[in-house]
Structure formats: C-alpha cells, structure tokens
Amino acid sequence: MTNIISTHDSSRRFKSAALNQPMDHRNDHNLNASPLKIYGADVRQEQTLTAHALVVGDQLDSRTAVVDGLVEFGGRATAVHSPADAELLLRSQQFDLVIYNVHEDGESAVAAITALVTSSQPTPHIVIAHTAAPFAMIDKMQSQPCVVIAPPVNPEMLCSIIQQVLAHAEMIAENTRLTRQLAQRGTHDIVGNSAAISELRLRTLRCADGDAPVLVQGEPGTGKQLVARVLHDLGSRAHRPFITLDCSILTAAHLERELFGDTAVDSFRGGEPRPGRLDLAAGGTLVVQNIDEMAFMIQADFAQVLRERRFRRLGATEYRPLDTHIITTTRYDLSHQARQGLFREDLLKEIASRILPTPALKNHRDDIAALTEHFLRNIALKQGKPAKRIPAATMDILANYAWPGNVQELENLIERGCAIDCGPKLTPELIRPWLAAPTQDHNSSETGMSLKEMERKLIESTFARFAGNREKTAQALQIGLRTLSGKLRDYGYPPRGGPGSNQPFKRAA
C-alpha cells in the first residue's frame, strides 16, 4: 500500500521581489546534466504556480521545505517517503512533475530516477532532482531526462525553475504532436479507407520509428516499393539518400559488386573505386527488392553485414561502418522458404525484426473506387487536363475483376485507357481489351478447359499483367524468354520488337 506522508493544496498567490542574481557555478554544472539548460532563475514580480507536483524524499525536513515552497506559490504537492511509493502513485494518478530529494550517492539515485521516469509513461513527467548528494553522482545522470539543482534553493528560485521546465515540456509535447500529425499526412500516398489499408498505415507509422530493418512482404503489384518510400519519408533519415537494388534482375556476381562496391578502378568514375549501394545509401535508406532472389553466398555475406553493422568492398581489407536503414521486399513467405531450405535462416533473423505485409487488392475491394479516382487525378495533373469521369458500368467491371496484378495492374489499366482516348469518360470499351479474363465470373472454375487452353490463358494473363514486358513475364512464369516468344508467336502476337509486340490485347482472332 502506498505510504503517502502528506498532501497539501493551496491556491494562494505570492508576491515577491525580483531576484536578479544568477545561480552559482555549481548549479550551472548541475543543469548541464539535463537536456534543458537553465543557467539562472528569472523570477518575475508576480507568479502563480498551478502545477501538481509529486515530492519524493526520505528526510522529513527537506521534503516539508519543498512542499511548503510549492504551496506558497499556489501549487499543489503530494509527498511520499520512497521512490517505490512514488512509482505506485504515478501509475494511478496524474502529476505535472516529480521532485526527488536525493541524499544518497551513486547508482541507487540514478536507478531511482530512471524508475520514476519509466513509471510516468506515457505522460511526459519532468523529474527535478533537488539534491544534497555529492556532485560525483551528477555525471552518472547525464542520460536521464531530469534537471538537477543543488541547495540552498529558496522558494522563488524553485518556482522559477519549475515554470521553465514545464514550459520546455509543453514545447516538446507540441512538437511531438505536430510531428505525429505530419507523419500521418505522409501516409496519404497509401490510398484507401478499408480496414486493411488503415491497418497498413498504422503499421507503417510504427515501423518508421527507429532504424530496425523492415521486411515488406506481399504479392506482386501490392505497392511494396511505395510502402518502402513512405517508411523512408517518415523516418529520421528522410533528408538522406534513398537507394534501391533489385536482386531479381542481376546475376550473382553483378549483384555482389552492386551491393558492396569494388576496389577495382572504374574508368567511368575518373579512376576512382566503384562504390556499392551500401556506400551510396550511407546515412539514408537502402531498399533491397526481391531479396528472395539473392544468391545463397551473398545472403550469408549480407547477414554478416547486418549482424556486425559493417561491410567492406570487394578486394578491400578495411571495413566501413554500416549507417543505413535496410528495407527488404519479397513476394514470398520467407519463413516457409527458410524451412524448405530456399532462404538462409540467419539472414531472415536479421531482416525480419519488423514485418510489414501489404494486402492484395482482392482483400480490400472497397478501395477500388478511391484508387481509380486517385490514378485519374494523377494522370490529369501530368497531362494538364480535367480528370476523366468513371461511369457506373465501368466501376462495375473494375469492382468484379479478379485483379491478379493487384494495384499495379489497376494503375496500368487506367494509364492505358487514358492514353488511347481523349474523351471525358473512362468507358467500359476502353478497359475491356486490357483485362486478362472475363470480369463477370472471375471465381468460376476452369472445368472443361484443355491443358493447352489453360496454358495459353495463364501466359496471356501474365503477359497483360506486366504490360507486355516479355522479360518480366518469362521470369514470373519461370520459362525461358525464347520459349515465351515462341508461345506468343503461336498465339498470333507479332515478333519481338515488331509493331504491337508489347500490346497483349492486339492478338489474332
């Protein structure tokens, strides 16, 4: 049970003469130990202290003197005997500040103040250590959020210090509020109002706090790169470089050189060694896309880099510090991949301290209308034209489509529809040719289709999903580029590089 020694309350106003003399040199040294530096007591002619303070101290005389000084200026004070009692009280009541009368020296005082600060969360109480202890303990409090003052301290000086401390705390609280408000505005690029998108925004805000690696995981086209950019913009490194590296388009040797850099002379850089992406992203953010495609040998090296927070260029002997926020993306469940031996567990441990899943569009269909309007507005701004309107018939088609390519497929469809027609509406005729499958029955089974027909449907839908990009289509289907081109030629598509070869809707009847 909390042992409350005394509680005092008063609303009297006290008038005092101004004290123009600054604190002595010892007090200056004490106050340098806190983030808030108070070098003098600027006491006003008339001041009222409305704060409610929790006074902690095991010596009755000094505790009573502090309480009487606060009450004399109209404040309120609750006194307790020990830091343990104060911790219990802070968990159940609200106080504006804590005044701790420290008489012991060393680690015990520092531990007590740390415990008081922790107990006062989430409210940012201010701890003032009104100490009679030897000054050797001051250096041990350098990292604590408190102001340390030394006796003798008269009531006027104490009141002035408390007012300055509370004003500083109010400024910090306002800055925190504005920062949080700005951060929430930064997530507006993640469009949608569904529960899935609201959860994604909230988790993005949480993951943006700090430099722990973040793994963004989701199906292709769900906006993993956008989320990575938002994480960078919301973090403390927003003003520093934002560098990306895609593991799926580079060979193992090229990827290793691009990631770590090379000591070999680069003629394109005036004879200087070639920097890697870790060099270029120093102080900022490095996004390693499709990390599941990283070769096993490089996975081992990258895991060691993240574990030791240092790296070295190929051919170098000296290490460089790693001062980079690492964000990785993947379309797979890497835990499942690791269990199957397809991904290194040591690297997964390093990159998956925070996992941020991006939802598939089929799981937040309520956002299709908002996303469509968002893309139409962006296109209108680029073209300097009014945004196209969306008829109800068009919206019905969009709402009932399966969207295997997720948000990216929707954006590509809107861009194509706006590019080939200058009319005021996005009509169904503009979008139907770009859809990979009938929109009215996207959940129906494929019963009755031959294997060849199913193969053609899969190839054509994937080809449409990647906007006619044959390299990405072949990679997604895990077939060779020549094999894909041969299949498309059989389906009536023009040869690679010919007119219309990248337009999947222009095929033979």
Protein backbone atom coordinates (compact mmCIF):
# COMPACT_ATOMS: atom_id res chain seq x y z
CA MET A 1 0.00 0.00 0.00
CA THR A 2 1.28 3.45 -0.88
CA ASN A 3 2.51 5.35 2.15
CA ILE A 4 1.51 8.99 1.48
CA ILE A 5 3.13 11.14 4.14
CA SER A 6 1.29 14.40 3.45
CA THR A 7 -0.79 16.16 0.81
CA HIS A 8 -1.11 19.93 0.60
CA ASP A 9 -3.32 22.10 -1.62
CA SER A 10 -3.48 25.85 -1.93
CA SER A 11 -4.47 28.49 -4.46
CA ARG A 12 -2.85 31.49 -2.74
CA ARG A 13 -0.89 33.96 -4.87
CA PHE A 14 2.51 35.04 -3.62
CA LYS A 15 4.21 38.33 -4.50
CA SER A 16 7.98 38.53 -4.24
CA ALA A 17 10.79 40.88 -5.14
CA ALA A 18 12.73 40.03 -8.28
CA LEU A 19 15.94 38.08 -7.83
CA ASN A 20 18.37 39.24 -10.49
CA GLN A 21 21.30 37.24 -9.28
CA PRO A 22 22.16 34.12 -11.33
CA MET A 23 22.72 30.68 -9.89
CA ASP A 24 26.21 29.93 -8.68
CA HIS A 25 28.73 27.96 -10.74
CA ARG A 26 27.84 24.65 -9.07
CA ASN A 27 24.22 24.97 -10.22
CA ASP A 28 25.37 25.69 -13.79
CA HIS A 29 27.33 22.45 -13.77
CA ASN A 30 24.32 20.54 -12.42
CA LEU A 31 21.90 21.83 -15.03
CA ASN A 32 24.25 20.96 -17.86
CA ALA A 33 23.46 17.35 -16.99
CA SER A 34 19.94 17.66 -18.44
CA PRO A 35 18.65 18.35 -21.96
CA LEU A 36 17.08 21.56 -20.63
CA LYS A 37 19.78 24.04 -19.63
CA ILE A 38 18.68 26.62 -17.02
CA TYR A 39 21.51 28.96 -16.12
CA GLY A 40 19.64 31.42 -13.97
CA ALA A 41 16.43 31.88 -12.04
CA ASP A 42 14.47 34.58 -13.84
CA VAL A 43 11.89 35.19 -11.14
CA ARG A 44 9.06 37.53 -12.09
CA GLN A 45 7.48 40.15 -9.87
CA GLU A 46 4.28 38.15 -9.57
CA GLN A 47 3.95 34.47 -10.41
CA THR A 48 1.49 31.69 -9.73
CA LEU A 49 2.40 28.03 -9.87
CA THR A 50 -0.57 25.85 -10.86
CA ALA A 51 1.35 22.60 -11.18
CA HIS A 52 0.66 19.47 -9.17
CA ALA A 53 3.98 18.02 -8.02
CA LEU A 54 4.88 14.66 -6.50
CA VAL A 55 7.63 15.23 -3.92
CA VAL A 56 9.78 12.23 -3.02
CA GLY A 57 12.24 12.18 -0.11
CA ASP A 58 13.11 10.20 2.97
CA GLN A 59 14.07 13.22 5.09
CA LEU A 60 11.07 14.98 6.56
CA ASP A 61 12.60 18.43 6.97
CA SER A 62 13.82 18.84 3.39
CA ARG A 63 10.66 17.28 1.98
CA THR A 64 8.49 19.62 4.02
CA ALA A 65 10.52 22.63 2.88
CA VAL A 66 9.93 21.77 -0.78
CA VAL A 67 6.22 21.19 -0.21
CA ASP A 68 5.84 24.48 1.69
CA GLY A 69 7.66 26.34 -1.10
CA LEU A 70 5.31 24.97 -3.74
CA VAL A 71 2.21 25.71 -1.69
CA GLU A 72 3.47 29.23 -1.00
CA PHE A 73 3.28 29.94 -4.74
CA GLY A 74 -0.19 28.43 -5.15
CA GLY A 75 0.85 24.98 -6.31
CA ARG A 76 -0.20 21.56 -5.13
CA ALA A 77 2.09 18.92 -3.71
CA THR A 78 1.76 15.28 -2.72
CA ALA A 79 4.64 13.91 -0.66
CA VAL A 80 5.74 10.29 -0.39
CA HIS A 81 8.57 8.66 1.51
CA SER A 82 10.33 6.49 -1.08
CA PRO A 83 10.77 6.11 -4.87
CA ALA A 84 8.88 2.79 -4.66
CA ASP A 85 5.84 4.59 -3.25
CA ALA A 86 6.17 7.21 -5.98
CA GLU A 87 6.22 4.55 -8.71
CA LEU A 88 2.94 3.10 -7.45
CA LEU A 89 1.32 6.50 -7.27
CA LEU A 90 2.47 7.52 -10.74
CA ARG A 91 0.71 4.51 -12.23
CA SER A 92 -2.66 5.61 -10.85
CA GLN A 93 -2.56 9.42 -10.70
CA GLN A 94 -1.58 12.31 -12.94
CA PHE A 95 1.16 14.72 -11.90
CA ASP A 96 2.79 17.61 -13.74
CA LEU A 97 6.25 16.89 -12.38
CA VAL A 98 8.23 14.91 -9.85
CA ILE A 99 10.66 16.48 -7.39
CA TYR A 100 13.09 13.96 -5.94
CA ASN A 101 15.10 14.92 -2.85
CA VAL A 102 18.27 12.90 -3.39
CA HIS A 103 20.53 12.27 -0.40
CA GLU A 104 22.18 9.01 -1.46
CA ASP A 105 25.05 8.81 -3.93
CA GLY A 106 25.89 6.56 -6.85
CA GLU A 107 23.89 4.01 -8.79
CA SER A 108 20.94 3.89 -6.38
CA ALA A 109 19.96 7.50 -7.11
CA VAL A 110 20.35 7.04 -10.86
CA ALA A 111 18.30 3.82 -10.77
CA ALA A 112 15.58 5.54 -8.73
CA ILE A 113 15.29 8.44 -11.16
CA THR A 114 15.24 6.05 -14.13
CA ALA A 115 12.42 4.08 -12.50
CA LEU A 116 10.45 7.26 -11.84
CA VAL A 117 10.77 8.36 -15.46
CA THR A 118 9.68 4.92 -16.69
CA SER A 119 6.72 4.82 -14.31
CA SER A 120 5.44 8.17 -15.53
CA GLN A 121 4.87 6.95 -19.08
CA PRO A 122 3.08 7.74 -21.29
CA THR A 123 2.64 11.19 -19.67
CA PRO A 124 5.96 13.08 -20.02
CA HIS A 125 6.51 14.00 -16.37
CA ILE A 126 9.59 16.04 -15.55
CA VAL A 127 11.90 14.86 -12.79
CA ILE A 128 13.77 17.50 -10.83
CA ALA A 129 16.46 16.08 -8.58
CA HIS A 130 16.80 18.55 -5.70
CA THR A 131 20.00 17.01 -4.41
CA ALA A 132 22.15 17.31 -1.35
CA ALA A 133 24.26 14.37 -2.50
CA PRO A 134 27.90 14.76 -3.52
CA PHE A 135 28.38 16.08 -7.07
CA ALA A 136 30.13 12.89 -8.16
CA MET A 137 26.69 11.44 -8.95
CA ILE A 138 25.88 14.18 -11.48
CA ASP A 139 27.95 12.62 -14.26
CA LYS A 140 26.02 9.39 -13.83
CA MET A 141 22.77 11.23 -14.63
CA GLN A 142 23.88 12.62 -17.97
CA SER A 143 21.48 10.39 -19.90
CA GLN A 144 18.49 10.92 -17.60
CA PRO A 145 15.67 13.33 -18.56
CA CYS A 146 15.92 15.42 -15.43
CA VAL A 147 17.09 18.77 -14.10
CA VAL A 148 19.49 18.65 -11.15
CA ILE A 149 19.76 21.58 -8.76
CA ALA A 150 21.76 21.94 -5.58
CA PRO A 151 20.84 23.55 -2.26
CA PRO A 152 20.39 26.08 -0.96
CA VAL A 153 17.34 26.77 -3.15
CA ASN A 154 14.79 29.30 -1.97
CA PRO A 155 11.09 29.02 -2.92
CA GLU A 156 11.32 31.79 -5.54
CA MET A 157 14.17 30.07 -7.36
CA LEU A 158 12.45 26.67 -7.23
CA CYS A 159 9.21 28.13 -8.58
CA SER A 160 11.03 29.83 -11.46
CA ILE A 161 12.88 26.64 -12.40
CA ILE A 162 9.65 24.63 -12.34
CA GLN A 163 7.95 27.14 -14.63
CA GLN A 164 10.81 26.97 -17.14
CA VAL A 165 10.85 23.17 -17.02
CA LEU A 166 7.10 22.92 -17.60
CA ALA A 167 7.27 25.42 -20.47
CA HIS A 168 10.01 23.33 -22.05
CA ALA A 169 7.93 20.16 -21.58
CA GLU A 170 4.91 21.83 -23.19
CA MET A 171 7.03 22.82 -26.19
CA ILE A 172 8.29 19.24 -26.56
CA ALA A 173 4.74 17.88 -26.32
CA GLU A 174 3.55 20.30 -29.02
CA ASN A 175 6.45 19.37 -31.25
CA THR A 176 5.64 15.68 -30.77
CA ARG A 177 2.01 16.31 -31.66
CA LEU A 178 2.92 18.21 -34.83
CA THR A 179 5.46 15.55 -35.81
CA ARG A 180 2.84 12.83 -35.40
CA GLN A 181 0.38 14.91 -37.43
CA LEU A 182 2.93 15.34 -40.21
CA ALA A 183 3.71 11.62 -40.15
CA GLN A 184 0.04 10.77 -40.61
CA ARG A 185 -0.09 13.10 -43.60
CA GLY A 186 2.91 11.25 -45.02
CA THR A 187 0.89 8.04 -45.22
CA HIS A 188 -1.72 9.62 -47.53
CA ASP A 189 0.13 8.15 -50.51
CA ILE A 190 -1.22 4.81 -49.29
CA VAL A 191 -4.69 5.28 -50.79
CA GLY A 192 -7.81 3.69 -49.37
CA ASN A 193 -10.20 3.69 -46.44
CA SER A 194 -10.70 -0.03 -45.86
CA ALA A 195 -9.72 -1.79 -42.65
CA ALA A 196 -6.78 -3.47 -44.43
CA ILE A 197 -5.34 -0.16 -45.64
CA SER A 198 -5.94 1.58 -42.31
CA GLU A 199 -4.01 -1.22 -40.62
CA LEU A 200 -1.23 -0.87 -43.20
CA ARG A 201 -0.95 2.87 -42.48
CA LEU A 202 -0.80 2.26 -38.74
CA ARG A 203 1.85 -0.44 -39.04
CA THR A 204 3.87 1.72 -41.44
CA LEU A 205 3.91 4.55 -38.90
CA ARG A 206 5.13 2.15 -36.22
CA CYS A 207 7.84 0.63 -38.42
CA ALA A 208 9.09 4.07 -39.49
CA ASP A 209 10.14 4.78 -35.90
CA GLY A 210 13.76 3.71 -35.50
CA ASP A 211 16.40 2.07 -37.67
CA ALA A 212 15.48 -1.60 -37.23
CA PRO A 213 15.34 -3.50 -40.56
CA VAL A 214 11.86 -3.80 -42.10
CA LEU A 215 10.67 -6.65 -44.32
CA VAL A 216 7.82 -5.56 -46.65
CA GLN A 217 6.03 -8.70 -47.76
CA GLY A 218 3.20 -9.05 -50.29
CA GLU A 219 2.05 -10.20 -53.71
CA PRO A 220 3.45 -8.51 -56.85
CA GLY A 221 1.75 -5.20 -57.52
CA THR A 222 0.60 -4.53 -53.94
CA GLY A 223 2.75 -1.41 -53.54
CA LYS A 224 5.76 -2.70 -51.64
CA GLN A 225 8.03 -0.07 -53.20
CA LEU A 226 5.56 2.69 -52.29
CA VAL A 227 5.47 1.49 -48.68
CA ALA A 228 9.29 1.44 -48.59
CA ARG A 229 9.36 5.04 -49.81
CA VAL A 230 6.82 6.10 -47.17
CA LEU A 231 8.91 4.39 -44.49
CA HIS A 232 11.91 6.44 -45.60
CA ASP A 233 9.98 9.72 -45.77
CA LEU A 234 8.53 9.26 -42.28
CA GLY A 235 11.82 8.29 -40.65
CA SER A 236 14.66 10.37 -39.27
CA ARG A 237 16.68 9.75 -42.49
CA ALA A 238 14.16 11.39 -44.82
CA HIS A 239 16.66 14.07 -45.87
CA ARG A 240 19.31 11.48 -46.73
CA PRO A 241 19.68 9.22 -49.84
CA PHE A 242 17.02 6.70 -50.84
CA ILE A 243 18.68 3.90 -52.85
CA THR A 244 17.15 0.73 -54.32
CA LEU A 245 18.63 -2.55 -55.53
CA ASP A 246 16.59 -5.25 -57.32
CA CYS A 247 18.01 -8.74 -56.77
CA SER A 248 15.80 -10.29 -59.48
CA ILE A 249 17.42 -8.57 -62.46
CA LEU A 250 21.11 -9.06 -61.65
CA THR A 251 23.45 -12.03 -61.81
CA ALA A 252 25.10 -13.13 -58.56
CA ALA A 253 28.45 -11.55 -59.47
CA HIS A 254 26.86 -8.30 -60.59
CA LEU A 255 24.63 -8.15 -57.51
CA GLU A 256 27.59 -8.64 -55.17
CA ARG A 257 29.51 -5.83 -56.87
CA GLU A 258 26.48 -3.53 -56.86
CA LEU A 259 25.76 -4.18 -53.19
CA PHE A 260 29.22 -3.98 -51.63
CA GLY A 261 31.20 -1.99 -54.20
CA ASP A 262 34.59 -2.82 -55.73
CA THR A 263 38.12 -1.58 -55.15
CA ALA A 264 38.88 -2.03 -58.87
CA VAL A 265 39.39 1.24 -60.74
CA ASP A 266 36.26 2.41 -62.55
CA SER A 267 37.09 4.36 -65.72
CA PHE A 268 33.62 5.92 -65.70
CA ARG A 269 34.37 7.49 -62.30
CA GLY A 270 37.69 9.06 -63.24
CA GLY A 271 39.80 6.17 -61.98
CA GLU A 272 38.10 6.00 -58.57
CA PRO A 273 36.98 2.71 -56.96
CA ARG A 274 33.40 1.71 -57.68
CA PRO A 275 31.09 2.43 -54.71
CA GLY A 276 28.33 -0.03 -53.83
CA ARG A 277 24.76 0.68 -52.92
CA LEU A 278 25.68 0.44 -49.24
CA ASP A 279 28.14 3.29 -49.84
CA LEU A 280 25.62 5.37 -51.79
CA ALA A 281 22.93 4.88 -49.14
CA ALA A 282 25.17 5.91 -46.22
CA GLY A 283 23.11 7.86 -43.71
CA GLY A 284 19.92 7.08 -45.63
CA THR A 285 17.87 4.08 -46.70
CA LEU A 286 18.67 1.06 -48.89
CA VAL A 287 15.73 -0.94 -50.27
CA VAL A 288 16.74 -4.46 -51.34
CA GLN A 289 13.91 -5.59 -53.60
CA ASN A 290 13.06 -9.27 -54.16
CA ILE A 291 15.58 -10.41 -51.58
CA ASP A 292 14.35 -13.97 -52.08
CA GLU A 293 16.23 -13.88 -55.42
CA MET A 294 19.57 -13.14 -53.70
CA ALA A 295 22.16 -15.91 -54.19
CA PHE A 296 22.90 -18.05 -51.10
CA MET A 297 26.54 -16.96 -50.97
CA ILE A 298 25.57 -13.29 -50.94
CA GLN A 299 22.83 -13.98 -48.39
CA ALA A 300 25.49 -15.23 -45.97
CA ASP A 301 27.64 -12.13 -46.51
CA PHE A 302 24.67 -9.78 -46.20
CA ALA A 303 23.55 -11.45 -42.95
CA GLN A 304 27.05 -10.88 -41.53
CA VAL A 305 26.96 -7.23 -42.59
CA LEU A 306 23.65 -6.66 -40.80
CA ARG A 307 24.82 -8.55 -37.73
CA GLU A 308 28.15 -6.74 -37.37
CA ARG A 309 26.96 -3.37 -38.77
CA ARG A 310 29.99 -3.09 -41.04
CA PHE A 311 30.99 -4.11 -44.58
CA ARG A 312 33.90 -3.97 -46.99
CA ARG A 313 34.19 -3.56 -50.72
CA LEU A 314 35.26 -6.46 -52.90
CA GLY A 315 39.05 -6.70 -52.80
CA ALA A 316 39.35 -4.41 -49.76
CA THR A 317 40.76 -5.25 -46.34
CA GLU A 318 39.39 -2.38 -44.29
CA TYR A 319 35.82 -2.33 -43.05
CA ARG A 320 33.35 0.52 -43.40
CA PRO A 321 30.64 1.21 -40.81
CA LEU A 322 27.07 0.46 -41.85
CA ASP A 323 24.99 3.57 -41.22
CA THR A 324 21.99 2.67 -43.36
CA HIS A 325 18.37 1.79 -42.73
CA ILE A 326 17.76 -1.52 -44.50
CA ILE A 327 14.33 -2.27 -46.01
CA THR A 328 13.80 -5.53 -47.89
CA THR A 329 10.87 -6.66 -50.03
CA THR A 330 9.62 -10.07 -51.09
CA ARG A 331 6.51 -11.69 -52.53
CA TYR A 332 7.06 -14.94 -50.62
CA ASP A 333 6.64 -16.11 -47.05
CA LEU A 334 10.33 -16.24 -46.20
CA SER A 335 9.73 -18.32 -43.07
CA HIS A 336 8.27 -21.04 -45.30
CA GLN A 337 11.12 -20.57 -47.76
CA ALA A 338 13.68 -20.95 -44.97
CA ARG A 339 12.05 -24.16 -43.71
CA GLN A 340 12.33 -25.57 -47.21
CA GLY A 341 15.98 -24.60 -47.43
CA LEU A 342 15.34 -21.93 -50.09
CA PHE A 343 16.40 -18.99 -47.91
CA ARG A 344 19.03 -18.61 -45.19
CA GLU A 345 17.64 -18.57 -41.67
CA ASP A 346 20.44 -16.30 -40.38
CA LEU A 347 19.54 -13.61 -42.92
CA LEU A 348 15.83 -13.98 -42.18
CA LYS A 349 16.58 -13.40 -38.50
CA GLU A 350 18.40 -10.16 -39.31
CA ILE A 351 15.85 -8.65 -41.74
CA ALA A 352 12.58 -9.78 -40.17
CA SER A 353 12.66 -7.92 -36.85
CA ARG A 354 9.73 -5.95 -38.29
CA ILE A 355 7.45 -7.49 -40.94
CA LEU A 356 5.06 -5.24 -42.85
CA PRO A 357 2.54 -7.17 -45.02
CA THR A 358 0.89 -5.40 -47.98
CA PRO A 359 -2.65 -6.66 -48.69
CA ALA A 360 -3.76 -7.99 -52.07
CA LEU A 361 -6.35 -5.85 -53.85
CA LYS A 362 -8.90 -8.68 -53.67
CA ASN A 363 -8.77 -8.26 -49.88
CA HIS A 364 -9.70 -4.58 -49.97
CA ARG A 365 -12.05 -4.24 -52.94
CA ASP A 366 -13.80 -1.32 -51.24
CA ASP A 367 -10.78 0.80 -52.16
CA ILE A 368 -11.01 0.23 -55.93
CA ALA A 369 -13.11 3.34 -56.48
CA ALA A 370 -10.78 5.53 -54.40
CA LEU A 371 -7.71 4.10 -56.14
CA THR A 372 -9.23 4.66 -59.59
CA GLU A 373 -10.04 8.28 -58.80
CA HIS A 374 -6.54 8.75 -57.38
CA PHE A 375 -4.89 7.44 -60.56
CA LEU A 376 -7.17 9.53 -62.78
CA ARG A 377 -6.30 12.69 -60.83
CA ASN A 378 -2.57 11.97 -61.10
CA ILE A 379 -2.82 11.42 -64.87
CA ALA A 380 -4.86 14.61 -65.25
CA LEU A 381 -2.20 16.60 -63.39
CA LYS A 382 0.54 15.20 -65.66
CA GLN A 383 -1.43 15.91 -68.82
CA GLY A 384 -2.80 19.27 -67.70
CA LYS A 385 -6.35 18.15 -68.47
CA PRO A 386 -9.53 17.58 -66.46
CA ALA A 387 -9.73 14.14 -64.88
CA LYS A 388 -11.86 11.56 -66.67
CA ARG A 389 -15.18 10.57 -65.12
CA ILE A 390 -16.00 6.97 -64.24
CA PRO A 391 -19.40 5.70 -65.41
CA ALA A 392 -21.22 3.20 -63.22
CA ALA A 393 -20.80 0.47 -65.84
CA THR A 394 -17.03 0.91 -65.78
CA MET A 395 -16.95 0.80 -61.99
CA ASP A 396 -18.96 -2.43 -62.00
CA ILE A 397 -16.36 -4.04 -64.27
CA LEU A 398 -13.49 -2.86 -62.09
CA ALA A 399 -15.21 -4.00 -58.90
CA ASN A 400 -15.87 -7.51 -60.25
CA TYR A 401 -12.47 -8.18 -61.79
CA ALA A 402 -10.06 -10.58 -60.08
CA TRP A 403 -7.01 -8.25 -60.21
CA PRO A 404 -4.23 -10.86 -60.27
CA GLY A 405 -1.77 -7.99 -60.71
CA ASN A 406 -3.23 -6.08 -57.75
CA VAL A 407 -2.98 -2.27 -57.52
CA GLN A 408 -0.20 -2.12 -60.13
CA GLU A 409 -2.45 -3.77 -62.70
CA LEU A 410 -5.23 -1.30 -61.92
CA GLU A 411 -2.87 1.65 -62.34
CA ASN A 412 -1.55 0.28 -65.64
CA LEU A 413 -5.09 -0.22 -66.93
CA ILE A 414 -6.11 3.35 -66.04
CA GLU A 415 -2.99 4.78 -67.70
CA ARG A 416 -3.60 2.83 -70.92
CA GLY A 417 -7.25 3.80 -71.04
CA CYS A 418 -6.37 7.47 -70.69
CA ALA A 419 -3.55 7.24 -73.24
CA ILE A 420 -5.61 5.84 -76.13
CA ASP A 421 -8.69 8.05 -75.73
CA CYS A 422 -9.07 11.75 -75.05
CA GLY A 423 -12.77 11.63 -74.17
CA PRO A 424 -14.19 12.83 -70.87
CA LYS A 425 -15.13 9.35 -69.60
CA LEU A 426 -13.33 6.10 -68.85
CA THR A 427 -15.80 3.88 -70.69
CA PRO A 428 -16.03 0.07 -70.47
CA GLU A 429 -14.82 -0.15 -74.09
CA LEU A 430 -11.53 1.46 -73.08
CA ILE A 431 -10.70 -1.05 -70.37
CA ARG A 432 -12.16 -4.38 -71.55
CA PRO A 433 -9.33 -5.18 -74.02
CA TRP A 434 -6.76 -4.89 -71.23
CA LEU A 435 -8.43 -7.30 -68.82
CA ALA A 436 -6.86 -10.73 -68.79
CA ALA A 437 -10.08 -12.66 -68.10
CA PRO A 438 -13.87 -12.12 -68.18
CA THR A 439 -14.92 -9.85 -65.35
CA GLN A 440 -18.36 -11.25 -64.61
CA ASP A 441 -17.33 -14.67 -63.34
CA HIS A 442 -13.76 -14.40 -62.08
CA ASN A 443 -14.33 -17.01 -59.36
CA SER A 444 -15.63 -19.70 -61.70
CA SER A 445 -13.64 -22.92 -62.12
CA GLU A 446 -11.74 -23.82 -65.27
CA THR A 447 -13.62 -27.08 -65.71
CA GLY A 448 -13.74 -28.21 -69.35
CA MET A 449 -10.61 -26.37 -70.49
CA SER A 450 -7.79 -28.35 -72.07
CA LEU A 451 -4.25 -28.16 -70.72
CA LYS A 452 -3.18 -26.18 -73.78
CA GLU A 453 -6.04 -23.70 -73.30
CA MET A 454 -5.17 -23.25 -69.64
CA GLU A 455 -1.52 -22.69 -70.56
CA ARG A 456 -2.45 -20.04 -73.09
CA LYS A 457 -4.75 -18.30 -70.63
CA LEU A 458 -2.02 -18.25 -67.97
CA ILE A 459 0.60 -16.90 -70.39
CA GLU A 460 -1.69 -14.21 -71.83
CA SER A 461 -2.94 -13.05 -68.42
CA THR A 462 0.62 -12.82 -67.10
CA PHE A 463 1.71 -11.02 -70.27
CA ALA A 464 -1.10 -8.49 -69.77
CA ARG A 465 -0.25 -8.11 -66.09
CA PHE A 466 3.27 -6.99 -66.93
CA ALA A 467 2.07 -4.64 -69.67
CA GLY A 468 3.67 -6.62 -72.49
CA ASN A 469 7.10 -6.85 -70.84
CA ARG A 470 8.44 -10.19 -72.08
CA GLU A 471 11.39 -10.38 -69.69
CA LYS A 472 9.22 -9.94 -66.59
CA THR A 473 6.58 -12.31 -67.98
CA ALA A 474 9.15 -15.05 -68.63
CA GLN A 475 10.61 -14.56 -65.17
CA ALA A 476 7.19 -14.76 -63.48
CA LEU A 477 6.29 -17.91 -65.43
CA GLN A 478 9.78 -19.35 -64.83
CA ILE A 479 10.30 -20.15 -68.51
CA GLY A 480 12.90 -19.02 -70.99
CA LEU A 481 12.48 -15.82 -72.99
CA ARG A 482 12.72 -17.71 -76.30
CA THR A 483 10.09 -20.19 -75.13
CA LEU A 484 7.76 -17.33 -74.23
CA SER A 485 8.31 -15.57 -77.56
CA GLY A 486 7.57 -18.80 -79.40
CA LYS A 487 4.33 -19.29 -77.48
CA LEU A 488 3.23 -15.72 -78.16
CA ARG A 489 4.05 -16.11 -81.83
CA ASP A 490 1.85 -19.22 -81.93
CA TYR A 491 -0.95 -17.19 -80.34
CA GLY A 492 -0.72 -14.59 -83.12
CA TYR A 493 1.37 -11.91 -81.44
CA PRO A 494 3.87 -10.00 -83.64
CA PRO A 495 7.57 -10.95 -83.35
CA ARG A 496 9.55 -9.42 -80.50
CA GLY A 497 10.44 -5.82 -81.28
CA GLY A 498 7.88 -5.52 -84.05
CA PRO A 499 4.92 -3.12 -84.08
CA GLY A 500 2.43 -4.06 -81.41
CA SER A 501 4.65 -6.78 -79.91
CA ASN A 502 4.19 -5.37 -76.43
CA GLN A 503 0.44 -4.87 -76.70
CA PRO A 504 -1.22 -8.04 -75.39
CA PHE A 505 -4.73 -7.09 -76.47
CA LYS A 506 -3.77 -6.97 -80.17
CA ARG A 507 -3.70 -10.65 -80.86
CA ALA A 508 -5.00 -12.81 -83.66
CA ALA A 509 -8.66 -13.67 -83.62
